[in-house]
Structures are given as C-alpha cells and as structure tokens.
Amino acid sequence: MTVWHGECLAYRKHQYPYHTDDLSDLLYRADAKEGLGRFMDERDLNGSLQAEYLHLQKVIEDFDSRAVTIKAWSVTSSMVTLAAAFIYCKPVLFLISVASACLFWYLEFLWKQFQWAYYARARVIEDHFAVERNLMSPLVQVPFQIGRSWNDAYRAISVTEKRMIASWQHVMLPHVFLAIAGSTLFASTMIGILNL
C-alpha cells in the first residue's frame, strides 16, 4: 500500500464515516500524466452515477415546471395589456403586449437551453448503463460531473440547435399567438378596421 493510497483511505473514512464497506477494495492508480487519481470499484461507481442521474432527472423536471410558470406570466401580462388597450383606448398598448409576449418567448427559449445542457450528462450516464463494457474500464469513470458537463454542453449548443429549440411548439406557444394577436389588433387600429 502506497502512502497516497493510505492517505486517501483515511480521508475517505473521515469524510464518509457512515460508509460500512471495506474501503480497501477500491482501486487506486497513479497516472504519470494526470497526477494521482482514484478509481472507484464498479459498485460504488454505479451507485454514485445512479444518484447523479436521479438528481439530473429532478433538475430537468423542475425546468419543465418553471416553463409552465413562464407561460402563465406571458399569458397574464399580454392579456392584461390587451385588455388595457381596449379599456383606455390606447393602441400603443397592443405593441407593449407584443413586446411582452416576445420577451417571455425569449426567456423560455433561454430556460430551455439551460435544461438542454443537462441532457448531455444524463445521456452519458444512460449510455454507461446501456452498453456492454469491460468492468475495469467503465464508460464513465468519474461521477458527480454535473457542473462541468453542463458548462461544456451549454457552450457547445450550436446556432442550428438554438433555432431548433426556439421553434419547438412547446417553447413558442402561447407566446407566438399572443404576439400575433397584439400585432393584428395594432395593425387593425392603424388602418381603421378597429376603432378604439
């Protein structure tokens, strides 16, 4: 047993006193290029990845529930502004309604990009459990990489993917309908079809 190996075991016992397994079965290896690194055994790795995956799924679901809130704010603000335009006979409020709907569409588009970035790590973990592999060289060797993976995935979203996300029906609805309604009502007042 190397000094480093013993120090890691002592650190792990200090950090995780509730851990009941024999810690000596963990695999440790010194890598000359990367420095000293620790590899978990398959069972610990799979348990950690399972916990990480379940956390990712909860985060992804939370994004969906917040997207519903964004839609509710969009409908509320746009409808109130449209109603105010009729009540106060101010056609410019139709344009404010359009701007509001577009801003909430953009907000939901950004929110969906944030969510999209979490899928990369979830897919890697799913692939880890889905493929046949050598137990000594698992597909994912390091658990708990949500932040690093999210950052890399978010930066890698291409312009084409951004256009695709913005045009998804569940992202652009109801914002587009509200923007079209406000634009149509404003145009109708300008050409004299609708008199306020």
C-alpha atoms as a PDB file:
ATOM      1  CA  MET A   1       0.000   0.000   0.000  1.00  0.00           C
ATOM      2  CA  THR A   2       1.425   3.354  -1.016  1.00  0.00           C
ATOM      3  CA  VAL A   3       1.424   6.364   1.270  1.00  0.00           C
ATOM      4  CA  TRP A   4      -1.001   8.101  -1.092  1.00  0.00           C
ATOM      5  CA  HIS A   5      -3.348   5.101  -1.023  1.00  0.00           C
ATOM      6  CA  GLY A   6      -3.363   5.129   2.775  1.00  0.00           C
ATOM      7  CA  GLU A   7      -3.961   8.888   2.906  1.00  0.00           C
ATOM      8  CA  CYS A   8      -6.946   8.559   0.563  1.00  0.00           C
ATOM      9  CA  LEU A   9      -8.439   5.793   2.680  1.00  0.00           C
ATOM     10  CA  ALA A  10      -8.004   7.866   5.831  1.00  0.00           C
ATOM     11  CA  TYR A  11      -9.529  10.904   4.128  1.00  0.00           C
ATOM     12  CA  ARG A  12     -12.467   8.873   2.837  1.00  0.00           C
ATOM     13  CA  LYS A  13     -13.085   7.341   6.270  1.00  0.00           C
ATOM     14  CA  HIS A  14     -13.009  10.840   7.746  1.00  0.00           C
ATOM     15  CA  GLN A  15     -15.346  12.257   5.063  1.00  0.00           C
ATOM     16  CA  TYR A  16     -17.727   9.288   4.964  1.00  0.00           C
ATOM     17  CA  PRO A  17     -17.834   7.749   8.447  1.00  0.00           C
ATOM     18  CA  TYR A  18     -21.191   6.144   7.640  1.00  0.00           C
ATOM     19  CA  HIS A  19     -19.641   4.066   4.839  1.00  0.00           C
ATOM     20  CA  THR A  20     -19.775   0.459   6.056  1.00  0.00           C
ATOM     21  CA  ASP A  21     -17.988  -1.372   3.222  1.00  0.00           C
ATOM     22  CA  ASP A  22     -14.359  -2.373   3.393  1.00  0.00           C
ATOM     23  CA  LEU A  23     -12.600   0.539   1.718  1.00  0.00           C
ATOM     24  CA  SER A  24      -9.520  -1.480   0.804  1.00  0.00           C
ATOM     25  CA  ASP A  25     -11.290  -2.947  -2.234  1.00  0.00           C
ATOM     26  CA  LEU A  26     -11.269   0.419  -4.010  1.00  0.00           C
ATOM     27  CA  LEU A  27      -8.902   0.620  -6.936  1.00  0.00           C
ATOM     28  CA  TYR A  28      -6.286   3.367  -6.887  1.00  0.00           C
ATOM     29  CA  ARG A  29      -3.778   4.178  -9.565  1.00  0.00           C
ATOM     30  CA  ALA A  30      -1.106   6.790 -10.063  1.00  0.00           C
ATOM     31  CA  ASP A  31      -1.222   8.287 -13.530  1.00  0.00           C
ATOM     32  CA  ALA A  32       2.049   9.936 -14.552  1.00  0.00           C
ATOM     33  CA  LYS A  33       0.421  12.444 -16.893  1.00  0.00           C
ATOM     34  CA  GLU A  34      -2.564  13.412 -14.787  1.00  0.00           C
ATOM     35  CA  GLY A  35      -1.024  13.060 -11.355  1.00  0.00           C
ATOM     36  CA  LEU A  36      -2.511  10.776  -8.760  1.00  0.00           C
ATOM     37  CA  GLY A  37      -6.050   9.651  -9.487  1.00  0.00           C
ATOM     38  CA  ARG A  38      -8.553   7.390  -7.804  1.00  0.00           C
ATOM     39  CA  PHE A  39     -10.811   4.901  -9.496  1.00  0.00           C
ATOM     40  CA  MET A  40     -13.876   3.582  -7.739  1.00  0.00           C
ATOM     41  CA  ASP A  41     -14.924  -0.006  -7.891  1.00  0.00           C
ATOM     42  CA  GLU A  42     -17.855  -0.816 -10.161  1.00  0.00           C
ATOM     43  CA  ARG A  43     -20.480  -0.975  -7.420  1.00  0.00           C
ATOM     44  CA  ASP A  44     -19.523   2.397  -5.890  1.00  0.00           C
ATOM     45  CA  LEU A  45     -19.296   3.967  -9.324  1.00  0.00           C
ATOM     46  CA  ASN A  46     -22.717   2.667 -10.357  1.00  0.00           C
ATOM     47  CA  GLY A  47     -24.277   3.792  -7.090  1.00  0.00           C
ATOM     48  CA  SER A  48     -22.805   7.277  -7.478  1.00  0.00           C
ATOM     49  CA  LEU A  49     -23.911   7.503 -11.099  1.00  0.00           C
ATOM     50  CA  GLN A  50     -27.403   6.364 -10.159  1.00  0.00           C
ATOM     51  CA  ALA A  51     -27.635   9.131  -7.544  1.00  0.00           C
ATOM     52  CA  GLU A  52     -26.297  11.656 -10.040  1.00  0.00           C
ATOM     53  CA  TYR A  53     -28.773  10.508 -12.715  1.00  0.00           C
ATOM     54  CA  LEU A  54     -31.751  10.753 -10.378  1.00  0.00           C
ATOM     55  CA  HIS A  55     -30.661  14.252  -9.386  1.00  0.00           C
ATOM     56  CA  LEU A  56     -30.358  15.226 -13.062  1.00  0.00           C
ATOM     57  CA  GLN A  57     -33.842  13.913 -13.774  1.00  0.00           C
ATOM     58  CA  LYS A  58     -35.255  16.006 -10.931  1.00  0.00           C
ATOM     59  CA  VAL A  59     -33.468  19.114 -12.208  1.00  0.00           C
ATOM     60  CA  ILE A  60     -34.791  18.518 -15.740  1.00  0.00           C
ATOM     61  CA  GLU A  61     -38.340  18.061 -14.443  1.00  0.00           C
ATOM     62  CA  ASP A  62     -38.027  21.236 -12.356  1.00  0.00           C
ATOM     63  CA  PHE A  63     -37.155  23.163 -15.514  1.00  0.00           C
ATOM     64  CA  ASP A  64     -40.395  21.942 -17.105  1.00  0.00           C
ATOM     65  CA  SER A  65     -42.482  23.095 -14.150  1.00  0.00           C
ATOM     66  CA  ARG A  66     -40.847  26.520 -14.261  1.00  0.00           C
ATOM     67  CA  ALA A  67     -41.507  26.731 -18.010  1.00  0.00           C
ATOM     68  CA  VAL A  68     -45.221  26.434 -17.231  1.00  0.00           C
ATOM     69  CA  THR A  69     -44.834  29.387 -14.855  1.00  0.00           C
ATOM     70  CA  ILE A  70     -43.160  31.424 -17.618  1.00  0.00           C
ATOM     71  CA  LYS A  71     -46.088  30.641 -19.928  1.00  0.00           C
ATOM     72  CA  ALA A  72     -48.556  31.712 -17.247  1.00  0.00           C
ATOM     73  CA  TRP A  73     -46.723  35.028 -16.775  1.00  0.00           C
ATOM     74  CA  SER A  74     -46.704  35.565 -20.532  1.00  0.00           C
ATOM     75  CA  VAL A  75     -50.438  34.981 -20.907  1.00  0.00           C
ATOM     76  CA  THR A  76     -51.264  37.108 -17.877  1.00  0.00           C
ATOM     77  CA  SER A  77     -49.133  40.094 -18.848  1.00  0.00           C
ATOM     78  CA  SER A  78     -50.151  40.041 -22.509  1.00  0.00           C
ATOM     79  CA  MET A  79     -53.871  39.622 -21.820  1.00  0.00           C
ATOM     80  CA  VAL A  80     -53.870  42.370 -19.196  1.00  0.00           C
ATOM     81  CA  THR A  81     -52.093  44.700 -21.617  1.00  0.00           C
ATOM     82  CA  LEU A  82     -54.520  43.822 -24.434  1.00  0.00           C
ATOM     83  CA  ALA A  83     -57.475  44.479 -22.134  1.00  0.00           C
ATOM     84  CA  ALA A  84     -55.928  47.782 -21.016  1.00  0.00           C
ATOM     85  CA  ALA A  85     -55.595  48.835 -24.659  1.00  0.00           C
ATOM     86  CA  PHE A  86     -59.343  48.422 -25.113  1.00  0.00           C
ATOM     87  CA  ILE A  87     -60.271  49.975 -21.759  1.00  0.00           C
ATOM     88  CA  TYR A  88     -58.076  53.067 -22.145  1.00  0.00           C
ATOM     89  CA  CYS A  89     -58.320  53.286 -25.967  1.00  0.00           C
ATOM     90  CA  LYS A  90     -54.535  53.255 -26.340  1.00  0.00           C
ATOM     91  CA  PRO A  91     -53.388  51.273 -29.428  1.00  0.00           C
ATOM     92  CA  VAL A  92     -49.736  51.519 -28.333  1.00  0.00           C
ATOM     93  CA  LEU A  93     -50.569  49.040 -25.566  1.00  0.00           C
ATOM     94  CA  PHE A  94     -51.055  46.412 -28.279  1.00  0.00           C
ATOM     95  CA  LEU A  95     -47.367  46.821 -29.138  1.00  0.00           C
ATOM     96  CA  ILE A  96     -46.426  46.530 -25.480  1.00  0.00           C
ATOM     97  CA  SER A  97     -48.376  43.280 -25.403  1.00  0.00           C
ATOM     98  CA  VAL A  98     -46.394  42.048 -28.432  1.00  0.00           C
ATOM     99  CA  ALA A  99     -43.112  43.028 -26.776  1.00  0.00           C
ATOM    100  CA  SER A 100     -44.150  41.253 -23.576  1.00  0.00           C
ATOM    101  CA  ALA A 101     -45.008  38.042 -25.419  1.00  0.00           C
ATOM    102  CA  CYS A 102     -41.705  38.140 -27.336  1.00  0.00           C
ATOM    103  CA  LEU A 103     -39.691  38.711 -24.164  1.00  0.00           C
ATOM    104  CA  PHE A 104     -41.345  35.767 -22.431  1.00  0.00           C
ATOM    105  CA  TRP A 105     -40.734  33.622 -25.522  1.00  0.00           C
ATOM    106  CA  TYR A 106     -37.054  34.590 -25.360  1.00  0.00           C
ATOM    107  CA  LEU A 107     -36.979  33.854 -21.633  1.00  0.00           C
ATOM    108  CA  GLU A 108     -38.466  30.400 -22.183  1.00  0.00           C
ATOM    109  CA  PHE A 109     -36.007  29.816 -25.047  1.00  0.00           C
ATOM    110  CA  LEU A 110     -33.085  30.593 -22.707  1.00  0.00           C
ATOM    111  CA  TRP A 111     -34.621  28.429 -19.994  1.00  0.00           C
ATOM    112  CA  LYS A 112     -34.938  25.526 -22.429  1.00  0.00           C
ATOM    113  CA  GLN A 113     -31.265  25.937 -23.424  1.00  0.00           C
ATOM    114  CA  PHE A 114     -30.270  25.662 -19.770  1.00  0.00           C
ATOM    115  CA  GLN A 115     -32.341  22.488 -19.491  1.00  0.00           C
ATOM    116  CA  TRP A 116     -30.950  21.131 -22.778  1.00  0.00           C
ATOM    117  CA  ALA A 117     -27.400  21.349 -21.404  1.00  0.00           C
ATOM    118  CA  TYR A 118     -28.288  18.905 -18.596  1.00  0.00           C
ATOM    119  CA  TYR A 119     -29.332  16.226 -21.082  1.00  0.00           C
ATOM    120  CA  ALA A 120     -25.712  15.677 -22.197  1.00  0.00           C
ATOM    121  CA  ARG A 121     -24.640  14.285 -18.827  1.00  0.00           C
ATOM    122  CA  ALA A 122     -27.871  12.293 -18.460  1.00  0.00           C
ATOM    123  CA  ARG A 123     -27.212  10.652 -21.863  1.00  0.00           C
ATOM    124  CA  VAL A 124     -23.633   9.762 -20.890  1.00  0.00           C
ATOM    125  CA  ILE A 125     -24.870   8.077 -17.706  1.00  0.00           C
ATOM    126  CA  GLU A 126     -27.625   6.264 -19.620  1.00  0.00           C
ATOM    127  CA  ASP A 127     -25.042   5.028 -22.136  1.00  0.00           C
ATOM    128  CA  HIS A 128     -22.854   3.859 -19.259  1.00  0.00           C
ATOM    129  CA  PHE A 129     -25.601   1.545 -18.039  1.00  0.00           C
ATOM    130  CA  ALA A 130     -26.852   0.557 -21.501  1.00  0.00           C
ATOM    131  CA  VAL A 131     -23.702  -0.784 -23.185  1.00  0.00           C
ATOM    132  CA  GLU A 132     -21.697  -3.950 -22.675  1.00  0.00           C
ATOM    133  CA  ARG A 133     -18.326  -2.959 -21.288  1.00  0.00           C
ATOM    134  CA  ASN A 134     -15.245  -4.225 -19.551  1.00  0.00           C
ATOM    135  CA  LEU A 135     -15.751  -3.818 -15.803  1.00  0.00           C
ATOM    136  CA  MET A 136     -12.234  -2.459 -15.343  1.00  0.00           C
ATOM    137  CA  SER A 137     -12.757   0.346 -17.863  1.00  0.00           C
ATOM    138  CA  PRO A 138     -16.296   1.685 -17.462  1.00  0.00           C
ATOM    139  CA  LEU A 139     -17.638   4.249 -19.916  1.00  0.00           C
ATOM    140  CA  VAL A 140     -17.895   6.845 -17.136  1.00  0.00           C
ATOM    141  CA  GLN A 141     -15.012   6.735 -14.693  1.00  0.00           C
ATOM    142  CA  VAL A 142     -15.751   9.827 -12.628  1.00  0.00           C
ATOM    143  CA  PRO A 143     -19.164  10.537 -11.088  1.00  0.00           C
ATOM    144  CA  PHE A 144     -20.571  13.887  -9.962  1.00  0.00           C
ATOM    145  CA  GLN A 145     -19.564  15.940 -13.002  1.00  0.00           C
ATOM    146  CA  ILE A 146     -22.867  17.785 -13.478  1.00  0.00           C
ATOM    147  CA  GLY A 147     -21.413  21.301 -13.401  1.00  0.00           C
ATOM    148  CA  ARG A 148     -18.504  20.619 -15.746  1.00  0.00           C
ATOM    149  CA  SER A 149     -20.709  18.673 -18.137  1.00  0.00           C
ATOM    150  CA  TRP A 150     -23.402  21.379 -18.111  1.00  0.00           C
ATOM    151  CA  ASN A 151     -20.881  24.117 -18.853  1.00  0.00           C
ATOM    152  CA  ASP A 152     -19.336  22.171 -21.745  1.00  0.00           C
ATOM    153  CA  ALA A 153     -22.740  21.248 -23.189  1.00  0.00           C
ATOM    154  CA  TYR A 154     -24.129  24.786 -22.867  1.00  0.00           C
ATOM    155  CA  ARG A 155     -21.128  26.276 -24.659  1.00  0.00           C
ATOM    156  CA  ALA A 156     -21.426  23.651 -27.400  1.00  0.00           C
ATOM    157  CA  ILE A 157     -25.044  24.496 -28.338  1.00  0.00           C
ATOM    158  CA  SER A 158     -24.828  25.499 -31.996  1.00  0.00           C
ATOM    159  CA  VAL A 159     -26.808  28.213 -33.762  1.00  0.00           C
ATOM    160  CA  THR A 160     -28.773  25.496 -35.568  1.00  0.00           C
ATOM    161  CA  GLU A 161     -29.704  23.887 -32.253  1.00  0.00           C
ATOM    162  CA  LYS A 162     -30.726  27.281 -30.858  1.00  0.00           C
ATOM    163  CA  ARG A 163     -33.035  27.839 -33.828  1.00  0.00           C
ATOM    164  CA  MET A 164     -34.461  24.364 -33.335  1.00  0.00           C
ATOM    165  CA  ILE A 165     -35.100  24.977 -29.617  1.00  0.00           C
ATOM    166  CA  ALA A 166     -36.743  28.368 -30.274  1.00  0.00           C
ATOM    167  CA  SER A 167     -39.070  26.824 -32.871  1.00  0.00           C
ATOM    168  CA  TRP A 168     -40.264  23.895 -30.752  1.00  0.00           C
ATOM    169  CA  GLN A 169     -44.025  24.139 -30.362  1.00  0.00           C
ATOM    170  CA  HIS A 170     -43.877  23.678 -26.603  1.00  0.00           C
ATOM    171  CA  VAL A 171     -41.405  26.576 -26.380  1.00  0.00           C
ATOM    172  CA  MET A 172     -43.040  29.088 -28.712  1.00  0.00           C
ATOM    173  CA  LEU A 173     -46.643  28.520 -27.658  1.00  0.00           C
ATOM    174  CA  PRO A 174     -48.591  30.537 -26.428  1.00  0.00           C
ATOM    175  CA  HIS A 175     -46.128  33.409 -26.913  1.00  0.00           C
ATOM    176  CA  VAL A 176     -46.402  33.450 -30.712  1.00  0.00           C
ATOM    177  CA  PHE A 177     -50.210  33.554 -30.636  1.00  0.00           C
ATOM    178  CA  LEU A 178     -50.141  36.426 -28.173  1.00  0.00           C
ATOM    179  CA  ALA A 179     -47.636  38.339 -30.308  1.00  0.00           C
ATOM    180  CA  ILE A 180     -49.728  37.729 -33.455  1.00  0.00           C
ATOM    181  CA  ALA A 181     -52.906  38.838 -31.663  1.00  0.00           C
ATOM    182  CA  GLY A 182     -51.285  42.047 -30.425  1.00  0.00           C
ATOM    183  CA  SER A 183     -49.772  42.796 -33.854  1.00  0.00           C
ATOM    184  CA  THR A 184     -53.061  42.133 -35.630  1.00  0.00           C
ATOM    185  CA  LEU A 185     -55.017  44.360 -33.243  1.00  0.00           C
ATOM    186  CA  PHE A 186     -52.455  47.159 -33.573  1.00  0.00           C
ATOM    187  CA  ALA A 187     -52.480  46.920 -37.373  1.00  0.00           C
ATOM    188  CA  SER A 188     -56.295  46.884 -37.351  1.00  0.00           C
ATOM    189  CA  THR A 189     -56.399  50.141 -35.377  1.00  0.00           C
ATOM    190  CA  MET A 190     -53.815  51.773 -37.649  1.00  0.00           C
ATOM    191  CA  ILE A 191     -55.697  51.009 -40.878  1.00  0.00           C
ATOM    192  CA  GLY A 192     -59.068  51.862 -39.382  1.00  0.00           C
ATOM    193  CA  ILE A 193     -60.671  48.408 -39.191  1.00  0.00           C
ATOM    194  CA  LEU A 194     -60.808  48.593 -35.398  1.00  0.00           C
ATOM    195  CA  ASN A 195     -61.850  51.869 -33.794  1.00  0.00           C
ATOM    196  CA  LEU A 196     -60.969  52.432 -30.156  1.00  0.00           C
END
